[in-house]
Amino acid sequence: MSIFLQIVFQSGEFYNEESSFWTDFFLNVFGALIGTLTALGIFLLSVKHDRNKEKHKENKTISQRLHYFSSMVDNINETVKKELSSL
């Protein structure tokens, strides 16, 4: 027989097993805690990613502005040199 046909799913309570309120309660709390911590972790990772993205965007903007300013200063220097040489 195939291994897939040998799988047995067991769920629910068994007749000879006693149900414990505290066991069920703590299992539910533990499951909720794992879910909450996972969601919080994903949220914090997304916030960190967004901050890094904004920082990169800001650095790129500053770099572009510095490049523009440098180009303007170079152009002004060349113009001043030309004017001085023509005097």
Protein backbone atom coordinates (compact mmCIF):
# COMPACT_ATOMS: atom_id res chain seq x y z
CA MET A 1 0.00 0.00 0.00
CA SER A 2 0.98 3.53 -0.50
CA ILE A 3 2.22 5.57 2.44
CA PHE A 4 -0.48 8.14 1.73
CA LEU A 5 -3.18 5.62 2.55
CA GLN A 6 -1.58 4.79 5.91
CA ILE A 7 -1.89 8.30 7.33
CA VAL A 8 -4.39 8.50 10.18
CA PHE A 9 -5.74 11.85 11.31
CA GLN A 10 -6.74 12.02 14.96
CA SER A 11 -8.56 15.02 16.30
CA GLY A 12 -10.95 15.70 19.12
CA GLU A 13 -11.18 14.02 22.50
CA PHE A 14 -10.72 10.35 23.12
CA TYR A 15 -13.17 8.50 25.34
CA ASN A 16 -10.70 7.49 28.05
CA GLU A 17 -8.88 10.83 28.14
CA GLU A 18 -9.84 13.39 30.73
CA SER A 19 -10.17 16.93 29.49
CA SER A 20 -8.36 19.56 31.52
CA PHE A 21 -9.54 23.15 31.47
CA TRP A 22 -6.11 24.48 32.40
CA THR A 23 -4.31 22.48 29.73
CA ASP A 24 -6.68 23.73 27.05
CA PHE A 25 -6.47 27.26 28.42
CA PHE A 26 -2.66 27.34 28.45
CA LEU A 27 -2.45 25.79 24.99
CA ASN A 28 -4.79 28.47 23.65
CA VAL A 29 -2.84 31.24 25.39
CA PHE A 30 0.44 29.81 24.09
CA GLY A 31 -0.94 29.67 20.54
CA ALA A 32 -2.25 33.22 20.78
CA LEU A 33 1.11 34.38 22.15
CA ILE A 34 2.99 32.76 19.27
CA GLY A 35 0.62 34.37 16.77
CA THR A 36 0.91 37.78 18.41
CA LEU A 37 4.70 37.66 18.59
CA THR A 38 4.92 36.56 14.96
CA ALA A 39 2.66 39.39 13.82
CA LEU A 40 4.58 41.89 15.94
CA GLY A 41 7.89 40.65 14.53
CA ILE A 42 6.67 40.99 10.95
CA PHE A 43 5.34 44.47 11.71
CA LEU A 44 8.65 45.58 13.24
CA LEU A 45 10.57 44.20 10.26
CA SER A 46 8.32 46.13 7.87
CA VAL A 47 8.80 49.33 9.90
CA LYS A 48 12.58 48.82 9.85
CA HIS A 49 12.48 48.22 6.09
CA ASP A 50 10.41 51.38 5.56
CA ARG A 51 12.84 53.43 7.67
CA ASN A 52 15.81 52.13 5.69
CA LYS A 53 13.98 52.86 2.45
CA GLU A 54 13.26 56.45 3.54
CA LYS A 55 16.85 56.91 4.71
CA HIS A 56 18.14 55.66 1.35
CA LYS A 57 15.76 57.99 -0.48
CA GLU A 58 16.90 60.95 1.65
CA ASN A 59 20.57 60.11 1.08
CA LYS A 60 19.96 59.88 -2.66
CA THR A 61 18.24 63.29 -2.66
CA ILE A 62 21.12 64.85 -0.69
CA SER A 63 23.63 63.27 -3.08
CA GLN A 64 21.76 64.70 -6.08
CA ARG A 65 21.64 68.15 -4.51
CA LEU A 66 25.37 68.04 -3.72
CA HIS A 67 26.12 66.99 -7.29
CA TYR A 68 23.99 69.87 -8.62
CA PHE A 69 25.70 72.34 -6.26
CA SER A 70 29.14 71.05 -7.26
CA SER A 71 28.26 71.44 -10.93
CA MET A 72 27.10 74.99 -10.32
CA VAL A 73 30.29 75.89 -8.42
CA ASP A 74 32.44 74.40 -11.19
CA ASN A 75 30.49 76.35 -13.79
CA ILE A 76 30.85 79.57 -11.79
CA ASN A 77 34.60 78.97 -11.41
CA GLU A 78 35.01 78.47 -15.14
CA THR A 79 32.99 81.59 -15.89
CA VAL A 80 35.01 83.68 -13.43
CA LYS A 81 38.30 82.38 -14.91
CA LYS A 82 37.13 83.29 -18.41
CA GLU A 83 36.11 86.76 -17.26
CA LEU A 84 39.41 87.30 -15.47
CA SER A 85 41.42 86.16 -18.45
CA SER A 86 39.54 88.51 -20.76
CA LEU A 87 40.42 91.52 -18.60
